[in-house]
Protein backbone atom coordinates (compact mmCIF):
# COMPACT_ATOMS: atom_id res chain seq x y z
CA UNK A 1 71.19 57.85 60.44
CA UNK A 2 73.97 60.20 59.33
CA UNK A 3 74.97 63.28 61.14
CA UNK A 4 73.79 65.45 58.26
CA UNK A 5 70.20 64.27 58.73
CA UNK A 6 70.10 64.56 62.51
CA UNK A 7 68.61 67.75 63.77
CA UNK A 8 69.75 69.24 67.02
CA UNK A 9 67.79 68.11 70.09
CA UNK A 10 66.33 64.90 68.52
CA UNK A 11 69.02 62.47 69.63
CA UNK A 12 68.06 59.04 70.94
CA UNK A 13 68.65 59.07 74.70
CA UNK A 14 69.70 55.45 74.78
CA UNK A 15 72.61 56.20 72.44
CA UNK A 16 74.07 59.02 74.47
CA UNK A 17 76.81 57.98 76.87
CA UNK A 18 77.65 61.26 78.58
CA UNK A 19 75.74 62.03 81.76
CA UNK A 20 76.65 65.68 82.09
CA UNK A 21 74.91 68.81 80.89
CA UNK A 22 76.29 70.46 77.78
CA UNK A 23 74.96 73.88 76.89
CA UNK A 24 75.01 74.55 73.11
CA UNK A 25 77.41 76.87 71.37
CA UNK A 26 76.45 78.68 68.17
CA UNK A 27 77.51 76.31 65.43
CA UNK A 28 78.30 77.73 62.04
CA UNK A 29 79.73 74.52 60.62
CA UNK A 30 76.58 72.45 60.82
CA UNK A 31 78.07 70.03 63.29
CA UNK A 32 75.78 68.12 65.57
CA UNK A 33 75.74 69.25 69.19
CA UNK A 34 75.14 66.54 71.76
CA UNK A 35 72.58 67.15 74.49
CA UNK A 36 72.26 64.51 77.11
CA UNK A 37 69.00 63.71 78.88
CA UNK A 38 66.98 65.97 76.54
CA UNK A 39 63.46 64.92 75.76
CA UNK A 40 62.70 64.33 72.06
CA UNK A 41 60.96 67.26 70.41
CA UNK A 42 59.22 67.75 67.09
CA UNK A 43 61.53 69.31 64.59
CA UNK A 44 58.96 71.97 63.80
CA UNK A 45 59.26 73.37 67.30
CA UNK A 46 63.02 73.40 67.52
CA UNK A 47 63.95 76.09 70.11
CA UNK A 48 66.50 78.80 69.78
CA UNK A 49 69.02 79.62 72.48
CA UNK A 50 66.41 81.56 74.42
CA UNK A 51 63.95 78.66 74.55
CA UNK A 52 66.23 75.65 74.66
CA UNK A 53 65.19 72.48 76.42
CA UNK A 54 67.00 71.09 79.41
CA UNK A 55 66.31 68.18 81.76
CA UNK A 56 64.04 68.10 84.75
CA UNK A 57 64.42 65.55 87.51
CA UNK A 58 61.52 64.65 89.74
CA UNK A 59 62.78 64.53 93.30
CA UNK A 60 61.31 64.84 96.76
CA UNK A 61 60.93 68.36 98.09
CA UNK A 62 60.95 69.38 101.72
CA UNK A 63 57.24 68.62 102.07
CA UNK A 64 57.66 64.99 101.00
CA UNK A 65 56.23 65.62 97.54
CA UNK A 66 58.04 65.04 94.30
CA UNK A 67 58.88 68.24 92.49
CA UNK A 68 60.50 69.17 89.25
CA UNK A 69 64.09 70.12 89.78
CA UNK A 70 65.44 72.31 87.05
CA UNK A 71 68.77 72.82 88.74
CA UNK A 72 69.59 69.29 89.87
CA UNK A 73 73.12 68.35 88.91
CA UNK A 74 74.52 64.93 88.03
CA UNK A 75 75.78 62.72 90.84
CA UNK A 76 79.41 62.57 91.73
CA UNK A 77 80.49 59.58 89.70
CA UNK A 78 79.07 60.83 86.40
CA UNK A 79 80.77 64.16 85.71
CA UNK A 80 82.37 65.29 82.50
CA UNK A 81 83.55 68.66 81.34
CA UNK A 82 80.83 71.08 80.30
CA UNK A 83 80.81 73.72 77.62
CA UNK A 84 78.89 76.92 77.34
CA UNK A 85 78.08 79.63 74.87
CA UNK A 86 77.92 82.20 77.65
CA UNK A 87 80.03 85.16 76.66
CA UNK A 88 82.34 87.28 78.74
CA UNK A 89 79.66 89.82 79.81
CA UNK A 90 77.67 87.11 81.56
CA UNK A 91 80.82 85.75 83.12
CA UNK A 92 81.63 89.18 84.44
CA UNK A 93 78.16 89.41 85.94
CA UNK A 94 78.65 86.05 87.63
CA UNK A 95 82.12 86.79 88.99
CA UNK A 96 80.78 88.06 92.31
CA UNK A 97 78.68 84.98 92.93
CA UNK A 98 81.66 82.80 92.00
CA UNK A 99 83.90 84.47 94.56
CA UNK A 100 81.19 84.46 97.22
CA UNK A 101 80.32 80.78 96.52
CA UNK A 102 76.62 81.44 97.17
CA UNK A 103 75.65 78.28 95.31
CA UNK A 104 76.73 76.42 98.45
CA UNK A 105 73.79 77.94 100.30
CA UNK A 106 71.29 77.68 97.45
CA UNK A 107 72.12 73.95 97.43
CA UNK A 108 72.66 73.63 101.18
CA UNK A 109 72.94 69.95 102.18
CA UNK A 110 72.28 69.12 98.53
CA UNK A 111 68.77 70.60 98.61
CA UNK A 112 67.60 72.81 95.75
CA UNK A 113 66.54 75.89 97.71
CA UNK A 114 66.96 78.81 95.34
CA UNK A 115 63.86 80.24 93.68
CA UNK A 116 63.64 80.20 89.90
CA UNK A 117 60.87 80.83 87.51
CA UNK A 118 60.75 77.32 86.12
CA UNK A 119 60.02 75.20 89.16
CA UNK A 120 56.73 73.37 89.03
CA UNK A 121 55.19 71.24 91.72
CA UNK A 122 54.06 67.73 90.96
CA UNK A 123 51.89 65.43 92.96
CA UNK A 124 53.42 62.48 94.76
CA UNK A 125 54.05 59.57 92.43
CA UNK A 126 52.66 56.17 93.07
CA UNK A 127 54.36 53.64 95.27
CA UNK A 128 55.76 51.74 92.31
CA UNK A 129 57.85 54.73 91.32
CA UNK A 130 59.14 55.13 94.87
CA UNK A 131 60.04 51.46 95.05
CA UNK A 132 61.82 51.76 91.70
CA UNK A 133 63.70 54.78 93.00
CA UNK A 134 64.89 52.89 96.08
CA UNK A 135 65.85 49.90 94.01
CA UNK A 136 67.98 51.95 91.62
CA UNK A 137 69.43 54.18 94.33
CA UNK A 138 71.71 51.44 95.61
CA UNK A 139 73.41 50.99 92.22
CA UNK A 140 76.41 53.34 91.88
CA UNK A 141 76.09 53.30 88.09
CA UNK A 142 72.67 54.99 88.15
CA UNK A 143 73.14 58.73 87.63
CA UNK A 144 70.27 59.77 89.89
CA UNK A 145 67.65 58.32 92.19
CA UNK A 146 65.00 59.86 89.94
CA UNK A 147 64.74 58.83 86.31
CA UNK A 148 61.92 60.83 84.74
CA UNK A 149 63.04 63.49 82.30
CA UNK A 150 61.00 66.29 80.83
CA UNK A 151 61.66 69.27 78.61
CA UNK A 152 61.39 72.82 79.85
CA UNK A 153 61.99 76.30 78.62
CA UNK A 154 65.11 78.00 79.96
CA UNK A 155 65.57 81.73 79.96
CA UNK A 156 68.90 83.48 79.50
CA UNK A 157 69.09 84.10 83.25
CA UNK A 158 68.57 80.41 83.95
CA UNK A 159 71.22 79.47 81.38
CA UNK A 160 73.63 81.79 83.16
CA UNK A 161 72.78 80.11 86.46
CA UNK A 162 73.39 76.72 84.86
CA UNK A 163 76.80 77.85 83.69
CA UNK A 164 77.65 79.09 87.18
CA UNK A 165 76.51 75.83 88.76
CA UNK A 166 78.22 73.47 86.32
CA UNK A 167 80.66 71.13 88.05
CA UNK A 168 83.83 72.98 87.08
CA UNK A 169 85.53 73.93 90.37
CA UNK A 170 89.20 73.04 90.56
CA UNK A 171 90.86 71.61 93.65
CA UNK A 172 92.10 75.07 94.59
CA UNK A 173 88.67 76.65 94.30
CA UNK A 174 87.10 73.78 96.24
CA UNK A 175 89.65 74.35 99.01
CA UNK A 176 88.82 78.06 98.98
CA UNK A 177 85.10 77.31 99.32
CA UNK A 178 85.75 74.80 102.10
CA UNK A 179 87.82 77.23 104.17
CA UNK A 180 85.27 79.99 103.61
CA UNK A 181 82.49 77.69 104.76
CA UNK A 182 84.19 76.50 107.94
CA UNK A 183 86.12 79.54 109.17
CA UNK A 184 83.56 82.05 110.36
CA UNK A 185 82.03 83.39 113.53
CA UNK A 186 82.37 80.07 115.37
CA UNK A 187 86.04 80.78 115.96
CA UNK A 188 85.09 83.73 118.19
CA UNK A 189 83.51 81.42 120.77
CA UNK A 190 86.42 78.97 120.97
CA UNK A 191 88.57 80.92 123.52
CA UNK A 192 85.75 80.64 126.08
CA UNK A 193 85.46 76.96 125.17
CA UNK A 194 89.17 76.55 125.90
CA UNK A 195 88.55 77.90 129.38
CA UNK A 196 85.67 75.44 129.84
CA UNK A 197 87.89 72.53 128.85
CA UNK A 198 91.31 73.64 130.01
CA UNK A 199 94.19 74.41 127.66
CA UNK A 200 95.73 70.95 127.24
CA UNK A 201 92.46 69.04 127.18
CA UNK A 202 90.91 71.51 124.73
CA UNK A 203 93.76 71.13 122.26
CA UNK A 204 93.41 67.34 122.39
CA UNK A 205 89.63 67.51 122.08
CA UNK A 206 89.82 69.86 119.11
CA UNK A 207 92.15 67.47 117.28
CA UNK A 208 90.00 64.43 118.14
CA UNK A 209 86.72 66.10 117.13
CA UNK A 210 88.29 67.31 113.88
CA UNK A 211 89.45 63.76 113.12
CA UNK A 212 86.01 62.28 113.87
CA UNK A 213 84.32 64.98 111.78
CA UNK A 214 86.68 64.16 108.91
CA UNK A 215 85.75 60.47 109.16
CA UNK A 216 82.02 61.28 109.33
CA UNK A 217 82.17 63.69 106.37
CA UNK A 218 83.89 61.08 104.23
CA UNK A 219 81.22 58.56 105.24
CA UNK A 220 78.52 60.96 104.10
CA UNK A 221 80.26 61.68 100.79
CA UNK A 222 80.63 57.95 100.07
CA UNK A 223 76.94 57.44 100.79
CA UNK A 224 75.98 60.30 98.50
CA UNK A 225 78.21 58.87 95.80
CA UNK A 226 76.39 55.54 95.98
CA UNK A 227 72.85 56.88 96.30
CA UNK A 228 72.81 60.45 95.01
CA UNK A 229 70.45 63.15 96.13
CA UNK A 230 70.61 65.54 99.05
CA UNK A 231 71.32 64.88 102.72
CA UNK A 232 67.61 64.53 103.36
CA UNK A 233 67.07 62.42 100.23
CA UNK A 234 69.56 59.87 101.52
CA UNK A 235 67.63 59.52 104.74
CA UNK A 236 64.35 59.22 102.86
CA UNK A 237 65.64 56.53 100.51
CA UNK A 238 67.41 54.49 103.17
CA UNK A 239 65.02 54.78 106.11
CA UNK A 240 61.80 56.32 104.79
CA UNK A 241 60.44 59.83 104.50
CA UNK A 242 60.19 60.32 108.25
CA UNK A 243 63.97 60.38 108.53
CA UNK A 244 64.17 62.86 105.67
CA UNK A 245 61.96 65.20 107.68
CA UNK A 246 64.07 64.62 110.79
CA UNK A 247 67.25 65.55 108.92
CA UNK A 248 65.63 68.71 107.59
CA UNK A 249 64.38 69.54 111.09
CA UNK A 250 67.89 69.39 112.53
CA UNK A 251 69.20 71.48 109.65
CA UNK A 252 66.58 74.11 110.45
CA UNK A 253 67.24 74.30 114.18
CA UNK A 254 71.00 74.37 113.66
CA UNK A 255 70.81 77.29 111.24
CA UNK A 256 68.32 79.17 113.41
CA UNK A 257 70.58 78.55 116.40
CA UNK A 258 73.54 80.05 114.53
CA UNK A 259 71.53 83.17 113.68
CA UNK A 260 70.36 83.56 117.29
CA UNK A 261 73.96 83.41 118.52
CA UNK A 262 74.82 86.08 115.94
CA UNK A 263 72.17 88.40 117.42
CA UNK A 264 73.67 88.03 120.89
CA UNK A 265 77.22 88.51 119.65
CA UNK A 266 76.34 91.68 117.74
CA UNK A 267 74.51 93.12 120.75
CA UNK A 268 77.63 92.71 122.90
CA UNK A 269 79.69 94.62 120.35
CA UNK A 270 77.14 97.40 119.94
CA UNK A 271 76.74 98.07 123.65
CA UNK A 272 80.49 98.63 124.01
CA UNK A 273 80.73 100.85 120.92
CA UNK A 274 77.76 102.98 121.96
CA UNK A 275 79.08 103.35 125.52
CA UNK A 276 82.45 104.53 124.26
CA UNK A 277 81.14 106.90 121.61
CA UNK A 278 78.47 108.35 123.91
CA UNK A 279 80.85 108.58 126.87
CA UNK A 280 78.53 106.35 128.92
CA UNK A 281 75.46 108.56 128.49
CA UNK A 282 73.40 106.09 126.41
CA UNK A 283 72.55 103.76 129.33
CA UNK A 284 70.90 101.09 127.15
CA UNK A 285 71.03 97.46 128.31
CA UNK A 286 72.70 94.93 126.04
CA UNK A 287 69.54 92.88 125.52
CA UNK A 288 67.84 95.75 123.71
CA UNK A 289 70.61 95.92 121.12
CA UNK A 290 69.64 92.38 120.10
CA UNK A 291 66.79 93.77 118.01
CA UNK A 292 68.99 96.11 115.95
CA UNK A 293 70.37 93.54 113.45
CA UNK A 294 66.79 93.07 112.24
CA UNK A 295 67.23 96.32 110.30
CA UNK A 296 69.62 94.45 107.99
CA UNK A 297 68.38 90.88 108.34
CA UNK A 298 64.73 91.43 107.42
CA UNK A 299 65.30 93.22 104.07
CA UNK A 300 67.99 90.75 103.00
CA UNK A 301 65.86 87.77 104.02
CA UNK A 302 63.16 88.93 101.57
CA UNK A 303 65.53 88.39 98.63
CA UNK A 304 64.32 85.39 96.64
CA UNK A 305 67.34 84.77 94.41
CA UNK A 306 70.33 84.27 96.68
CA UNK A 307 72.81 85.21 93.94
CA UNK A 308 71.75 88.81 94.47
CA UNK A 309 73.51 88.69 97.84
CA UNK A 310 76.89 88.06 96.21
CA UNK A 311 78.27 91.52 96.92
CA UNK A 312 77.21 91.48 100.58
CA UNK A 313 78.75 88.02 101.01
CA UNK A 314 82.09 89.21 99.61
CA UNK A 315 82.06 92.25 101.92
CA UNK A 316 81.31 89.99 104.89
CA UNK A 317 84.18 87.64 104.00
CA UNK A 318 86.64 90.52 103.82
CA UNK A 319 85.49 91.94 107.15
CA UNK A 320 85.67 88.55 108.87
CA UNK A 321 89.22 88.07 107.60
CA UNK A 322 90.11 91.52 108.93
CA UNK A 323 88.58 90.62 112.28
CA UNK A 324 90.52 87.35 112.57
CA UNK A 325 93.80 89.15 111.86
CA UNK A 326 92.96 91.71 114.55
CA UNK A 327 92.18 88.94 117.05
CA UNK A 328 95.62 87.46 116.57
CA UNK A 329 97.17 90.94 116.82
CA UNK A 330 95.42 91.89 120.08
CA UNK A 331 96.02 88.57 121.82
CA UNK A 332 99.67 88.38 120.76
CA UNK A 333 100.22 91.99 121.84
CA UNK A 334 98.70 91.32 125.25
CA UNK A 335 100.87 88.25 125.72
CA UNK A 336 103.92 90.32 124.85
CA UNK A 337 103.05 93.12 127.28
CA UNK A 338 101.46 91.26 130.21
CA UNK A 339 102.40 87.60 129.80
CA UNK A 340 100.05 84.70 130.48
CA UNK A 341 96.63 85.62 131.87
CA UNK A 342 95.36 84.61 135.32
CA UNK A 343 94.35 81.10 136.33
CA UNK A 344 95.11 79.27 133.09
CA UNK A 345 94.27 75.60 133.71
CA UNK A 346 95.45 72.58 131.76
CA UNK A 347 92.25 70.59 132.42
CA UNK A 348 88.82 71.68 133.61
CA UNK A 349 86.94 68.47 134.45
CA UNK A 350 83.80 70.31 135.53
CA UNK A 351 82.81 72.08 132.29
CA UNK A 352 84.75 70.30 129.54
CA UNK A 353 81.49 68.99 128.06
CA UNK A 354 80.65 72.59 127.12
CA UNK A 355 83.89 72.65 125.16
CA UNK A 356 82.79 69.60 123.13
CA UNK A 357 79.51 71.25 122.21
CA UNK A 358 81.20 74.49 121.16
CA UNK A 359 83.85 72.64 119.14
CA UNK A 360 81.15 70.71 117.29
CA UNK A 361 79.35 74.02 116.71
CA UNK A 362 82.54 75.40 115.13
CA UNK A 363 83.14 72.36 112.90
CA UNK A 364 79.49 72.04 111.83
CA UNK A 365 79.72 72.71 108.12
CA UNK A 366 78.37 69.38 106.96
CA UNK A 367 75.53 71.09 105.10
CA UNK A 368 78.10 72.58 102.72
CA UNK A 369 80.02 69.35 102.09
CA UNK A 370 77.69 67.96 99.41
CA UNK A 371 77.47 71.24 97.44
CA UNK A 372 81.26 71.51 97.39
CA UNK A 373 81.61 67.95 96.11
CA UNK A 374 78.99 68.53 93.43
CA UNK A 375 80.70 71.72 92.29
CA UNK A 376 84.04 70.01 91.63
CA UNK A 377 85.19 69.14 88.15
CA UNK A 378 87.06 66.16 89.62
CA UNK A 379 85.08 65.10 92.69
CA UNK A 380 87.39 62.16 93.28
CA UNK A 381 89.88 64.74 94.60
CA UNK A 382 87.50 65.85 97.35
CA UNK A 383 88.95 63.55 100.06
CA UNK A 384 92.27 65.38 99.61
CA UNK A 385 90.49 68.76 99.82
CA UNK A 386 88.56 67.65 102.90
CA UNK A 387 91.59 66.24 104.71
CA UNK A 388 93.87 69.19 104.05
CA UNK A 389 91.05 71.64 104.74
CA UNK A 390 90.22 70.07 108.11
CA UNK A 391 93.89 70.21 109.09
CA UNK A 392 94.09 73.92 108.21
CA UNK A 393 90.83 74.74 110.01
CA UNK A 394 91.85 72.75 113.08
CA UNK A 395 95.23 74.51 113.27
CA UNK A 396 93.59 77.95 112.97
CA UNK A 397 91.03 77.08 115.65
CA UNK A 398 93.67 75.80 118.04
CA UNK A 399 95.91 78.81 117.37
CA UNK A 400 93.21 81.40 118.09
CA UNK A 401 91.79 79.47 121.04
CA UNK A 402 95.21 78.97 122.62
CA UNK A 403 96.45 82.55 122.11
CA UNK A 404 93.23 84.05 123.43
CA UNK A 405 92.98 81.83 126.51
CA UNK A 406 96.64 82.33 127.36
CA UNK A 407 96.27 86.10 126.95
CA UNK A 408 93.17 86.60 129.10
CA UNK A 409 93.02 83.52 131.32
CA UNK A 410 89.81 83.09 133.29
CA UNK A 411 88.68 86.63 132.40
CA UNK A 412 87.99 85.49 128.83
CA UNK A 413 84.51 86.47 127.67
CA UNK A 414 81.93 84.57 125.60
CA UNK A 415 83.43 86.18 122.49
CA UNK A 416 87.09 87.16 122.64
CA UNK A 417 86.40 90.53 121.00
CA UNK A 418 84.70 91.61 124.23
CA UNK A 419 88.09 91.45 125.95
CA UNK A 420 89.80 94.00 123.73
CA UNK A 421 90.57 97.48 125.17
CA UNK A 422 87.21 99.23 124.99
CA UNK A 423 88.40 102.76 124.17
CA UNK A 424 90.92 101.65 121.56
CA UNK A 425 90.02 102.98 118.11
CA UNK A 426 91.00 99.71 116.47
CA UNK A 427 88.76 97.85 118.91
CA UNK A 428 85.81 100.04 117.97
CA UNK A 429 86.55 99.49 114.28
CA UNK A 430 86.84 95.72 114.74
CA UNK A 431 83.61 95.50 116.74
CA UNK A 432 81.66 97.61 114.25
CA UNK A 433 83.03 95.90 111.15
CA UNK A 434 82.75 92.39 112.58
CA UNK A 435 79.17 93.15 113.64
CA UNK A 436 78.43 94.33 110.11
CA UNK A 437 80.00 91.16 108.71
CA UNK A 438 77.84 89.00 110.96
CA UNK A 439 74.70 90.94 109.98
CA UNK A 440 75.53 90.38 106.30
CA UNK A 441 76.26 86.70 106.93
CA UNK A 442 73.10 86.02 108.94
CA UNK A 443 70.76 86.00 105.88
CA UNK A 444 72.90 83.30 104.28
CA UNK A 445 72.86 81.20 107.46
CA UNK A 446 69.10 81.61 107.82
CA UNK A 447 68.38 80.94 104.14
CA UNK A 448 68.31 77.09 104.32
CA UNK A 449 65.96 77.02 107.30
CA UNK A 450 63.84 79.79 105.82
CA UNK A 451 63.35 77.96 102.52
CA UNK A 452 62.76 74.54 104.06
CA UNK A 453 60.04 75.85 106.36
CA UNK A 454 58.59 77.98 103.56
CA UNK A 455 58.26 74.94 101.31
CA UNK A 456 56.33 73.16 104.04
CA UNK A 457 53.98 76.06 104.70
CA UNK A 458 53.30 77.10 101.10
CA UNK A 459 53.62 73.89 99.10
CA UNK A 460 49.88 73.85 98.29
CA UNK A 461 49.82 77.44 97.04
CA UNK A 462 50.77 79.06 93.77
CA UNK A 463 54.17 80.58 93.26
CA UNK A 464 54.63 84.12 94.50
CA UNK A 465 55.29 85.11 90.88
CA UNK A 466 51.75 84.13 90.00
CA UNK A 467 49.96 85.46 93.07
CA UNK A 468 50.64 88.73 94.82
CA UNK A 469 48.88 87.56 97.97
CA UNK A 470 51.10 84.47 98.18
CA UNK A 471 54.19 86.61 97.67
CA UNK A 472 53.27 88.96 100.50
CA UNK A 473 52.28 86.05 102.72
CA UNK A 474 55.79 84.68 102.24
CA UNK A 475 57.24 88.11 103.02
CA UNK A 476 55.27 88.22 106.27
CA UNK A 477 56.43 84.69 107.14
CA UNK A 478 60.08 85.56 106.51
CA UNK A 479 59.78 88.69 108.63
CA UNK A 480 58.18 86.73 111.46
CA UNK A 481 60.94 84.10 111.37
CA UNK A 482 63.59 86.82 111.68
CA UNK A 483 61.72 88.33 114.64
CA UNK A 484 61.46 84.88 116.27
CA UNK A 485 65.25 84.49 116.03
CA UNK A 486 65.70 87.87 117.71
CA UNK A 487 63.15 86.97 120.38
CA UNK A 488 64.99 83.73 121.20
CA UNK A 489 68.26 85.66 121.48
CA UNK A 490 66.54 88.26 123.67
CA UNK A 491 65.32 85.55 126.02
CA UNK A 492 68.78 83.97 126.27
CA UNK A 493 70.64 87.19 127.00
CA UNK A 494 74.26 88.14 126.55
CA UNK A 495 75.47 86.45 129.74
CA UNK A 496 74.56 82.98 128.44
CA UNK A 497 76.07 83.18 124.98
CA UNK A 498 78.71 80.50 125.57
CA UNK A 499 76.18 78.08 127.06
CA UNK A 500 73.74 78.67 124.19
CA UNK A 501 76.44 78.03 121.57
CA UNK A 502 77.30 74.76 123.29
CA UNK A 503 73.59 73.88 123.49
CA UNK A 504 73.14 74.37 119.73
CA UNK A 505 76.22 72.25 119.12
CA UNK A 506 74.90 69.44 121.34
CA UNK A 507 71.30 69.35 120.10
CA UNK A 508 71.57 70.17 116.40
CA UNK A 509 75.17 69.78 115.26
CA UNK A 510 76.07 66.44 116.86
CA UNK A 511 73.33 64.47 115.03
CA UNK A 512 74.17 66.10 111.70
CA UNK A 513 77.91 65.61 112.11
CA UNK A 514 78.11 62.16 113.68
CA UNK A 515 74.86 60.22 114.01
CA UNK A 516 73.25 60.55 110.57
CA UNK A 517 76.43 59.95 108.50
CA UNK A 518 77.03 56.74 110.46
CA UNK A 519 73.41 55.62 110.05
CA UNK A 520 73.36 56.24 106.31
CA UNK A 521 76.70 54.58 105.55
CA UNK A 522 75.77 51.60 107.76
CA UNK A 523 72.84 50.91 105.45
CA UNK A 524 74.93 50.72 102.28
CA UNK A 525 78.08 49.18 103.74
CA UNK A 526 78.66 45.58 102.73
CA UNK A 527 81.77 44.97 104.85
CA UNK A 528 81.58 43.97 108.50
CA UNK A 529 84.47 46.25 109.44
CA UNK A 530 82.72 49.18 107.74
CA UNK A 531 79.55 48.55 109.71
CA UNK A 532 81.50 48.32 112.93
CA UNK A 533 83.06 51.72 112.31
CA UNK A 534 79.66 53.15 111.41
CA UNK A 535 78.19 51.73 114.61
CA UNK A 536 80.99 53.24 116.67
CA UNK A 537 80.40 56.60 115.01
CA UNK A 538 76.69 56.45 115.84
CA UNK A 539 77.38 55.39 119.44
CA UNK A 540 79.92 58.17 119.86
CA UNK A 541 77.49 60.74 118.51
CA UNK A 542 74.60 59.56 120.65
CA UNK A 543 76.76 59.40 123.78
CA UNK A 544 78.26 62.84 123.23
CA UNK A 545 74.82 64.29 122.53
CA UNK A 546 73.27 62.92 125.73
CA UNK A 547 76.22 63.77 127.99
CA UNK A 548 76.88 67.29 126.70
CA UNK A 549 73.15 68.05 126.74
CA UNK A 550 72.93 66.92 130.37
CA UNK A 551 75.90 69.04 131.44
CA UNK A 552 74.64 72.03 129.47
CA UNK A 553 71.15 71.91 130.95
CA UNK A 554 72.68 71.54 134.41
CA UNK A 555 74.65 74.78 133.91
CA UNK A 556 71.39 76.58 133.12
CA UNK A 557 69.50 75.08 136.07
CA UNK A 558 72.38 75.34 138.55
CA UNK A 559 74.64 78.15 137.35
CA UNK A 560 78.09 78.29 138.89
CA UNK A 561 79.65 81.26 140.65
CA UNK A 562 79.79 84.52 138.74
CA UNK A 563 83.05 84.64 136.81
CA UNK A 564 85.36 87.59 136.63
CA UNK A 565 84.36 89.90 133.83
CA UNK A 566 86.47 92.02 131.60
CA UNK A 567 86.90 95.62 132.69
CA UNK A 568 83.87 97.62 131.56
CA UNK A 569 84.36 101.01 129.97
CA UNK A 570 81.51 102.55 131.92
CA UNK A 571 81.53 102.31 135.74
CA UNK A 572 78.73 100.19 137.11
């Protein structure tokens, strides 16, 4: 068949070699445009650009059912350059979401979490299809663990989303996304962790944990390269659907734990700012400020399409960067004026387990690893990005932790910002702006847990676009989840922030960072040495989880002596 007689969209799938998506450009020369994975269509119903067909992959959703995935991207080993007819106006509209890298959260841990108007739920396929999926999933040459393709109608907005999500990120952009994902609020809790571990031991532990995280992340990426799918999909294919649900459960509690720690951190900032500005006449306890971030969190959590939060994400990133610079400024200035703080210890054998939990909390960005890999134009370069990125993150963490602990000694607070001079105008600005940044970041952190739980609760109902009652039911659910996070933070209280951060790191982050990557790679590894390393990784993760959890619970049940607190602005 000659090219002149072939109409666009009717190509034989078996003759197409490329495995990437190619969006059509207007073609005035009559040349044939290749579309991979497109279902054959009658020539009489050939779509225009506003009703073009694109692939759908049936994959397991968070409820264990197979659903149509209109945004699933090719696996790592099958990427080629993509083209687009999207003009400059659409690119300008997508610039904010590109800078903010929100696609990392809409595809958190490889899951397809963002709402779109073309998702349809399918019933669970028969066991033969599942067995076929598992059989093909072990072959690296198979582009996906799901092989059914269907046609669908794509709107202009969806085409724009496809263009934004095409695997086109350079090494530099991937590094930028990695650093943005890992350097956040967790760094604020490290100075207290350095006190729990001691200066010398904490530096060593930070380097060791960073190295083990690097090894575990590479294990997970190699597994995803061989199998495809999301973090949960890998568990479901290798060990059955029960492990998929377990992975999703730990993702949920980790993200909810992060948000709860944000509530407590913001409340500590607000109580100081209000005391200073009111000249100590407000007399409101810190725990009541915990509810105030709900004013921002609830409205933003009702947003269905996460790309609409691009501007708020950019503002949050700028404010966090400003806060980190101010942390280095305040701690360095204090060291210059007053020297090393009181009672700086090299090793703290009593509470160093709390340091391990907090460090794991800070390095827990494994849910964003798979989306970064899938966004890269050359994913084979990701090990370089990951290695260099972990070195940079580790150096920044050690720098801020060391400077802060040396500056304030054993008077260091749960978050180092609490130690800054209360009445200083810059301190007030930092506390207000950093609190705003955390409030704008919290919806992104809660989004994965919110969507996973929502898919479980509402998988039998119509889409909110088709039913107003379903839409408002989801709104009520999202509001309740935000209130639950605030209630958990309220119950914990500001005095236990450091212990809660370590608890989240021990319970939720350790399995995601260490145990599951080792389990998954062990299943596909064919070398004895590889399985030995995977076993050691699993044993390390399980041992650290049990020990740090025991020490953490013991600090709650048998709290130690009250530590020296930073000077309060208002007299007690």
